[in-house]
Structures are given as C-alpha cells and as structure tokens.
Amino acid sequence: QVQLVESGGGLVQAGGSLRLSCATSTGTLNYAMVAWFRQVPGQEREFVAAIRWSDGSTVHADSVKGRFLISRDNAKNAVDLQMNSLKPDDTAVYFCGARLSAVRIRTAASDYGYWGQGTQVTVSS
C-alpha cells in the first residue's frame, strides 16, 4: 500500500521558517489533490492549504495566507509547504492528505482518504 510520508518538521523560534515536504513511499505521487492539515491535541484537524496537481491551483487558509505557500515539486514528486513568519499558534502536528479526484479544491479533512503519519512543528516564543 502506498503511503504518504511527511518530513521537515522541527523546533523553530517565532518569526522563523520551516519547509515541510509530502512524498510517497514509492516515490510517485499519483493523486489529484494534496493538502496540508494541522492538529493540536483535543482539537479537530484544521485545513492549512491544498493544491490541485493538474494545474497547480491552490487554496490557503486565511490564518496562514501570506505566510505559508503550498507548491508542487515535479522533480521530487512531492508537495511542499513553505512556512514563514511562524507563530507559536502554528504549533501542531502537520499532516499531508491526498485524494484521487479533484473537480474542485476541498478543505475538509473528511474529503481526503489518504494520510501520512504527521510531522511535529513547534514554534517557541
């Protein structure tokens, strides 16, 4: 079974940057849409950003707009999330989700059937 694999999490000071990457265990990302979500204990998974693979269309949550940027890396067959100007409120486990269809960009976690194991992002004040 193909698995999504996130990487790039870590500890950073407020104002700093991190770059997350989402790839697959086989090296081939054959999904129509890939998204990043984040979750803190006791809360629901929150939408961060999504990208439609066919045309590169993107959507970003208002809370990260202007600070985070989702992009596709065709050479690596991966989807990256560049996170700048990080805040302590961005601290969470970040998950990569994927779906096979992409008529329109989806922002609900329930719309994604494939998930990675998550990567911890901690922003210190």
N, C-alpha and C. Protein backbone atom coordinates (compact mmCIF):
# COMPACT_ATOMS: atom_id res chain seq x y z
N GLN A 1 0.84 -1.19 0.00
CA GLN A 1 0.00 0.00 0.00
C GLN A 1 0.89 1.25 0.00
N VAL A 2 0.55 2.16 -0.90
CA VAL A 2 1.33 3.39 -1.00
C VAL A 2 1.03 4.25 0.21
N GLN A 3 2.06 4.79 0.83
CA GLN A 3 1.88 5.64 2.00
C GLN A 3 2.43 7.02 1.73
N LEU A 4 1.78 8.00 2.35
CA LEU A 4 2.28 9.35 2.31
C LEU A 4 3.29 9.53 3.44
N VAL A 5 4.34 10.26 3.15
CA VAL A 5 5.40 10.46 4.14
C VAL A 5 5.71 11.95 4.23
N GLU A 6 5.52 12.50 5.43
CA GLU A 6 5.85 13.90 5.65
C GLU A 6 7.26 14.02 6.23
N SER A 7 7.90 15.12 5.95
CA SER A 7 9.21 15.41 6.52
C SER A 7 9.39 16.91 6.66
N GLY A 8 10.37 17.31 7.47
CA GLY A 8 10.71 18.72 7.57
C GLY A 8 10.26 19.42 8.83
N GLY A 9 9.54 18.73 9.69
CA GLY A 9 9.10 19.36 10.93
C GLY A 9 10.27 19.59 11.87
N GLY A 10 9.99 20.32 12.96
CA GLY A 10 11.03 20.58 13.93
C GLY A 10 10.67 21.70 14.86
N LEU A 11 11.68 22.18 15.58
CA LEU A 11 11.51 23.27 16.54
C LEU A 11 12.13 24.54 15.95
N VAL A 12 11.38 25.62 16.01
CA VAL A 12 11.86 26.88 15.46
C VAL A 12 11.37 28.02 16.34
N GLN A 13 12.09 29.11 16.36
CA GLN A 13 11.66 30.28 17.12
C GLN A 13 10.62 31.07 16.34
N ALA A 14 9.80 31.80 17.05
CA ALA A 14 8.81 32.65 16.41
C ALA A 14 9.50 33.58 15.40
N GLY A 15 8.88 33.71 14.24
CA GLY A 15 9.45 34.51 13.18
C GLY A 15 10.30 33.71 12.21
N GLY A 16 10.61 32.49 12.58
CA GLY A 16 11.44 31.65 11.75
C GLY A 16 10.66 30.95 10.64
N SER A 17 11.35 30.06 9.92
CA SER A 17 10.77 29.37 8.78
C SER A 17 11.06 27.87 8.84
N LEU A 18 10.16 27.12 8.25
CA LEU A 18 10.35 25.69 8.05
C LEU A 18 9.75 25.33 6.71
N ARG A 19 10.24 24.26 6.13
CA ARG A 19 9.70 23.76 4.88
C ARG A 19 9.34 22.29 5.07
N LEU A 20 8.06 21.99 4.92
CA LEU A 20 7.58 20.62 5.01
C LEU A 20 7.47 20.02 3.61
N SER A 21 7.64 18.72 3.55
CA SER A 21 7.53 18.03 2.27
C SER A 21 6.67 16.79 2.44
N CYS A 22 5.85 16.52 1.42
CA CYS A 22 4.98 15.34 1.41
C CYS A 22 5.30 14.53 0.18
N ALA A 23 5.74 13.30 0.37
CA ALA A 23 6.05 12.42 -0.74
C ALA A 23 5.36 11.07 -0.47
N THR A 24 5.60 10.12 -1.35
CA THR A 24 5.03 8.80 -1.14
C THR A 24 6.14 7.78 -0.94
N SER A 25 5.77 6.65 -0.38
CA SER A 25 6.76 5.61 -0.11
C SER A 25 7.31 5.01 -1.39
N THR A 26 6.58 5.17 -2.50
CA THR A 26 7.05 4.62 -3.77
C THR A 26 7.77 5.66 -4.61
N GLY A 27 7.69 6.92 -4.22
CA GLY A 27 8.34 7.99 -4.98
C GLY A 27 7.47 8.57 -6.06
N THR A 28 6.26 8.05 -6.23
CA THR A 28 5.35 8.56 -7.26
C THR A 28 4.09 9.09 -6.60
N LEU A 29 3.81 10.35 -6.84
CA LEU A 29 2.65 10.99 -6.23
C LEU A 29 1.53 11.02 -7.24
N ASN A 30 0.70 9.98 -7.27
CA ASN A 30 -0.37 9.89 -8.25
C ASN A 30 -1.72 10.26 -7.67
N TYR A 31 -1.78 11.43 -7.07
CA TYR A 31 -3.03 11.91 -6.52
C TYR A 31 -3.45 13.18 -7.23
N ALA A 32 -4.76 13.39 -7.31
CA ALA A 32 -5.26 14.57 -8.00
C ALA A 32 -5.14 15.82 -7.15
N MET A 33 -5.20 15.64 -5.83
CA MET A 33 -5.17 16.79 -4.94
C MET A 33 -4.43 16.40 -3.66
N VAL A 34 -3.59 17.29 -3.20
CA VAL A 34 -2.84 17.08 -1.97
C VAL A 34 -3.02 18.30 -1.07
N ALA A 35 -3.18 18.04 0.20
CA ALA A 35 -3.42 19.15 1.13
C ALA A 35 -2.61 18.96 2.40
N TRP A 36 -2.41 20.07 3.08
CA TRP A 36 -1.80 20.05 4.40
C TRP A 36 -2.87 20.45 5.43
N PHE A 37 -2.91 19.69 6.50
CA PHE A 37 -3.76 19.98 7.63
C PHE A 37 -2.87 20.01 8.87
N ARG A 38 -3.40 20.56 9.95
CA ARG A 38 -2.65 20.52 11.21
C ARG A 38 -3.63 20.25 12.35
N GLN A 39 -3.06 19.70 13.40
CA GLN A 39 -3.92 19.29 14.52
C GLN A 39 -3.16 19.44 15.83
N VAL A 40 -3.85 20.01 16.81
CA VAL A 40 -3.32 20.06 18.17
C VAL A 40 -4.18 19.14 19.02
N PRO A 41 -3.63 18.62 20.11
CA PRO A 41 -4.39 17.68 20.95
C PRO A 41 -5.73 18.26 21.40
N GLY A 42 -6.77 17.45 21.25
CA GLY A 42 -8.09 17.86 21.70
C GLY A 42 -8.87 18.68 20.70
N GLN A 43 -8.26 18.97 19.55
CA GLN A 43 -8.95 19.76 18.53
C GLN A 43 -9.05 18.99 17.23
N GLU A 44 -9.96 19.44 16.37
CA GLU A 44 -10.13 18.80 15.08
C GLU A 44 -9.00 19.18 14.14
N ARG A 45 -8.83 18.36 13.14
CA ARG A 45 -7.81 18.63 12.15
C ARG A 45 -8.21 19.88 11.35
N GLU A 46 -7.28 20.82 11.24
CA GLU A 46 -7.55 22.11 10.63
C GLU A 46 -6.90 22.22 9.25
N PHE A 47 -7.66 22.69 8.28
CA PHE A 47 -7.14 22.87 6.93
C PHE A 47 -6.09 23.98 6.91
N VAL A 48 -4.99 23.73 6.18
CA VAL A 48 -3.94 24.72 6.03
C VAL A 48 -3.83 25.19 4.58
N ALA A 49 -3.67 24.24 3.66
CA ALA A 49 -3.52 24.59 2.25
C ALA A 49 -3.70 23.35 1.40
N ALA A 50 -4.09 23.56 0.15
CA ALA A 50 -4.27 22.44 -0.78
C ALA A 50 -3.83 22.85 -2.17
N ILE A 51 -3.45 21.87 -2.95
CA ILE A 51 -3.03 22.12 -4.33
C ILE A 51 -3.60 21.04 -5.23
N ARG A 52 -4.09 21.46 -6.38
CA ARG A 52 -4.59 20.52 -7.38
C ARG A 52 -3.43 20.23 -8.33
N TRP A 53 -3.11 18.95 -8.45
CA TRP A 53 -1.89 18.57 -9.17
C TRP A 53 -1.95 18.94 -10.64
N SER A 54 -3.12 18.85 -11.28
CA SER A 54 -3.21 19.02 -12.73
C SER A 54 -2.82 20.42 -13.19
N ASP A 55 -3.27 21.44 -12.47
CA ASP A 55 -3.00 22.80 -12.93
C ASP A 55 -2.29 23.68 -11.90
N GLY A 56 -1.99 23.09 -10.73
CA GLY A 56 -1.27 23.85 -9.71
C GLY A 56 -2.12 24.85 -8.95
N SER A 57 -3.45 24.79 -9.13
CA SER A 57 -4.33 25.70 -8.38
C SER A 57 -4.18 25.45 -6.89
N THR A 58 -4.21 26.53 -6.11
CA THR A 58 -4.02 26.39 -4.67
C THR A 58 -5.07 27.16 -3.89
N VAL A 59 -5.25 26.73 -2.66
CA VAL A 59 -6.08 27.44 -1.70
C VAL A 59 -5.33 27.43 -0.37
N HIS A 60 -5.31 28.56 0.31
CA HIS A 60 -4.67 28.65 1.62
C HIS A 60 -5.69 29.14 2.65
N ALA A 61 -5.61 28.62 3.85
CA ALA A 61 -6.47 29.09 4.92
C ALA A 61 -6.14 30.55 5.23
N ASP A 62 -7.15 31.30 5.66
CA ASP A 62 -6.93 32.71 5.98
C ASP A 62 -5.85 32.88 7.05
N SER A 63 -5.78 31.94 7.98
CA SER A 63 -4.84 32.05 9.09
C SER A 63 -3.38 31.96 8.66
N VAL A 64 -3.13 31.42 7.47
CA VAL A 64 -1.75 31.27 7.01
C VAL A 64 -1.46 32.03 5.73
N LYS A 65 -2.48 32.65 5.17
CA LYS A 65 -2.32 33.35 3.90
C LYS A 65 -1.27 34.46 4.04
N GLY A 66 -0.35 34.49 3.08
CA GLY A 66 0.72 35.48 3.13
C GLY A 66 1.95 35.01 3.89
N ARG A 67 1.80 33.91 4.64
CA ARG A 67 2.94 33.38 5.41
C ARG A 67 3.35 31.99 4.91
N PHE A 68 2.38 31.18 4.55
CA PHE A 68 2.64 29.82 4.07
C PHE A 68 2.38 29.75 2.57
N LEU A 69 3.10 28.84 1.92
CA LEU A 69 2.89 28.65 0.49
C LEU A 69 3.01 27.17 0.16
N ILE A 70 1.96 26.61 -0.44
CA ILE A 70 1.98 25.22 -0.87
C ILE A 70 2.42 25.19 -2.33
N SER A 71 3.23 24.21 -2.67
CA SER A 71 3.72 24.12 -4.04
C SER A 71 4.01 22.66 -4.38
N ARG A 72 4.08 22.37 -5.63
CA ARG A 72 4.41 21.02 -6.08
C ARG A 72 5.83 21.01 -6.62
N ASP A 73 6.51 19.94 -6.39
CA ASP A 73 7.87 19.75 -6.89
C ASP A 73 7.83 18.57 -7.83
N ASN A 74 7.74 18.84 -9.12
CA ASN A 74 7.61 17.76 -10.10
C ASN A 74 8.83 16.85 -10.11
N ALA A 75 9.99 17.42 -9.86
CA ALA A 75 11.22 16.63 -9.89
C ALA A 75 11.27 15.63 -8.75
N LYS A 76 10.78 16.07 -7.58
CA LYS A 76 10.79 15.18 -6.41
C LYS A 76 9.51 14.39 -6.29
N ASN A 77 8.50 14.72 -7.12
CA ASN A 77 7.17 14.11 -6.95
C ASN A 77 6.68 14.33 -5.54
N ALA A 78 6.72 15.58 -5.12
CA ALA A 78 6.35 15.90 -3.75
C ALA A 78 5.56 17.21 -3.73
N VAL A 79 4.90 17.42 -2.62
CA VAL A 79 4.20 18.68 -2.37
C VAL A 79 4.83 19.30 -1.13
N ASP A 80 5.28 20.53 -1.26
CA ASP A 80 5.96 21.21 -0.17
C ASP A 80 5.06 22.28 0.45
N LEU A 81 5.34 22.57 1.71
CA LEU A 81 4.67 23.68 2.39
C LEU A 81 5.76 24.55 2.99
N GLN A 82 5.97 25.71 2.39
CA GLN A 82 6.94 26.66 2.91
C GLN A 82 6.23 27.51 3.96
N MET A 83 6.76 27.51 5.17
CA MET A 83 6.14 28.23 6.27
C MET A 83 7.09 29.32 6.76
N ASN A 84 6.67 30.56 6.60
CA ASN A 84 7.48 31.71 7.02
C ASN A 84 6.75 32.46 8.14
N SER A 85 7.49 33.31 8.80
CA SER A 85 6.92 34.14 9.87
C SER A 85 6.10 33.30 10.85
N LEU A 86 6.67 32.21 11.28
CA LEU A 86 5.95 31.28 12.14
C LEU A 86 5.62 31.90 13.49
N LYS A 87 4.46 31.50 14.00
CA LYS A 87 3.97 31.99 15.28
C LYS A 87 3.78 30.80 16.23
N PRO A 88 3.79 31.04 17.53
CA PRO A 88 3.52 29.94 18.47
C PRO A 88 2.19 29.24 18.19
N ASP A 89 1.20 29.96 17.69
CA ASP A 89 -0.10 29.36 17.37
C ASP A 89 -0.01 28.38 16.21
N ASP A 90 1.09 28.38 15.48
CA ASP A 90 1.25 27.42 14.39
C ASP A 90 1.74 26.06 14.89
N THR A 91 2.04 25.97 16.17
CA THR A 91 2.49 24.72 16.75
C THR A 91 1.41 23.66 16.62
N ALA A 92 1.75 22.53 16.01
CA ALA A 92 0.79 21.45 15.77
C ALA A 92 1.51 20.29 15.12
N VAL A 93 0.79 19.20 14.99
CA VAL A 93 1.25 18.11 14.13
C VAL A 93 0.67 18.40 12.75
N TYR A 94 1.52 18.42 11.75
CA TYR A 94 1.11 18.72 10.38
C TYR A 94 0.99 17.42 9.59
N PHE A 95 -0.16 17.25 8.96
CA PHE A 95 -0.46 16.05 8.19
C PHE A 95 -0.63 16.38 6.71
N CYS A 96 -0.17 15.46 5.91
CA CYS A 96 -0.38 15.53 4.48
C CYS A 96 -1.54 14.61 4.13
N GLY A 97 -2.51 15.13 3.38
CA GLY A 97 -3.65 14.33 2.95
C GLY A 97 -3.74 14.36 1.43
N ALA A 98 -4.35 13.32 0.86
CA ALA A 98 -4.47 13.26 -0.59
C ALA A 98 -5.79 12.62 -0.99
N ARG A 99 -6.25 12.97 -2.19
CA ARG A 99 -7.46 12.38 -2.73
C ARG A 99 -7.25 12.16 -4.23
N LEU A 100 -8.05 11.25 -4.77
CA LEU A 100 -7.85 10.83 -6.16
C LEU A 100 -8.60 11.70 -7.16
N SER A 101 -9.63 12.40 -6.71
CA SER A 101 -10.39 13.24 -7.63
C SER A 101 -10.19 14.70 -7.25
N ALA A 102 -10.38 15.58 -8.24
CA ALA A 102 -10.10 17.00 -7.98
C ALA A 102 -10.93 17.90 -8.86
N VAL A 103 -12.24 17.76 -8.80
CA VAL A 103 -13.09 18.67 -9.57
C VAL A 103 -12.96 20.08 -9.00
N ARG A 104 -13.00 20.17 -7.70
CA ARG A 104 -12.75 21.46 -7.05
C ARG A 104 -11.90 21.21 -5.82
N ILE A 105 -11.23 22.23 -5.35
CA ILE A 105 -10.34 22.07 -4.21
C ILE A 105 -11.16 21.89 -2.93
N ARG A 106 -10.79 20.88 -2.15
CA ARG A 106 -11.52 20.52 -0.93
C ARG A 106 -10.74 20.98 0.30
N THR A 107 -11.47 21.43 1.29
CA THR A 107 -10.81 21.93 2.50
C THR A 107 -11.23 21.19 3.77
N ALA A 108 -12.07 20.17 3.63
CA ALA A 108 -12.49 19.38 4.80
C ALA A 108 -11.64 18.13 4.90
N ALA A 109 -11.22 17.81 6.11
CA ALA A 109 -10.39 16.63 6.31
C ALA A 109 -11.10 15.36 5.86
N SER A 110 -12.43 15.33 5.99
CA SER A 110 -13.19 14.15 5.62
C SER A 110 -13.18 13.91 4.10
N ASP A 111 -12.78 14.88 3.33
CA ASP A 111 -12.70 14.72 1.88
C ASP A 111 -11.42 14.04 1.41
N TYR A 112 -10.52 13.79 2.32
CA TYR A 112 -9.24 13.18 1.97
C TYR A 112 -9.16 11.78 2.54
N GLY A 113 -8.84 10.81 1.69
CA GLY A 113 -8.85 9.42 2.12
C GLY A 113 -7.47 8.84 2.41
N TYR A 114 -6.44 9.59 2.08
CA TYR A 114 -5.08 9.09 2.27
C TYR A 114 -4.32 10.09 3.13
N TRP A 115 -3.63 9.56 4.13
CA TRP A 115 -2.95 10.41 5.09
C TRP A 115 -1.55 9.89 5.42
N GLY A 116 -0.69 10.83 5.77
CA GLY A 116 0.61 10.46 6.29
C GLY A 116 0.55 10.35 7.80
N GLN A 117 1.70 10.09 8.42
CA GLN A 117 1.75 9.88 9.86
C GLN A 117 1.88 11.19 10.64
N GLY A 118 2.18 12.26 9.94
CA GLY A 118 2.28 13.57 10.57
C GLY A 118 3.71 13.91 10.97
N THR A 119 3.97 15.20 11.05
CA THR A 119 5.27 15.69 11.49
C THR A 119 5.05 16.87 12.44
N GLN A 120 5.77 16.86 13.54
CA GLN A 120 5.57 17.87 14.58
C GLN A 120 6.27 19.17 14.21
N VAL A 121 5.53 20.26 14.34
CA VAL A 121 6.09 21.60 14.20
C VAL A 121 5.87 22.33 15.52
N THR A 122 6.95 22.79 16.12
CA THR A 122 6.86 23.51 17.38
C THR A 122 7.52 24.87 17.22
N VAL A 123 6.74 25.91 17.53
CA VAL A 123 7.24 27.27 17.41
C VAL A 123 7.33 27.87 18.81
N SER A 124 8.51 28.21 19.22
CA SER A 124 8.72 28.77 20.56
C SER A 124 8.64 30.30 20.52
N SER A 125 8.17 30.86 21.62
CA SER A 125 8.00 32.33 21.68
C SER A 125 9.26 33.00 22.20
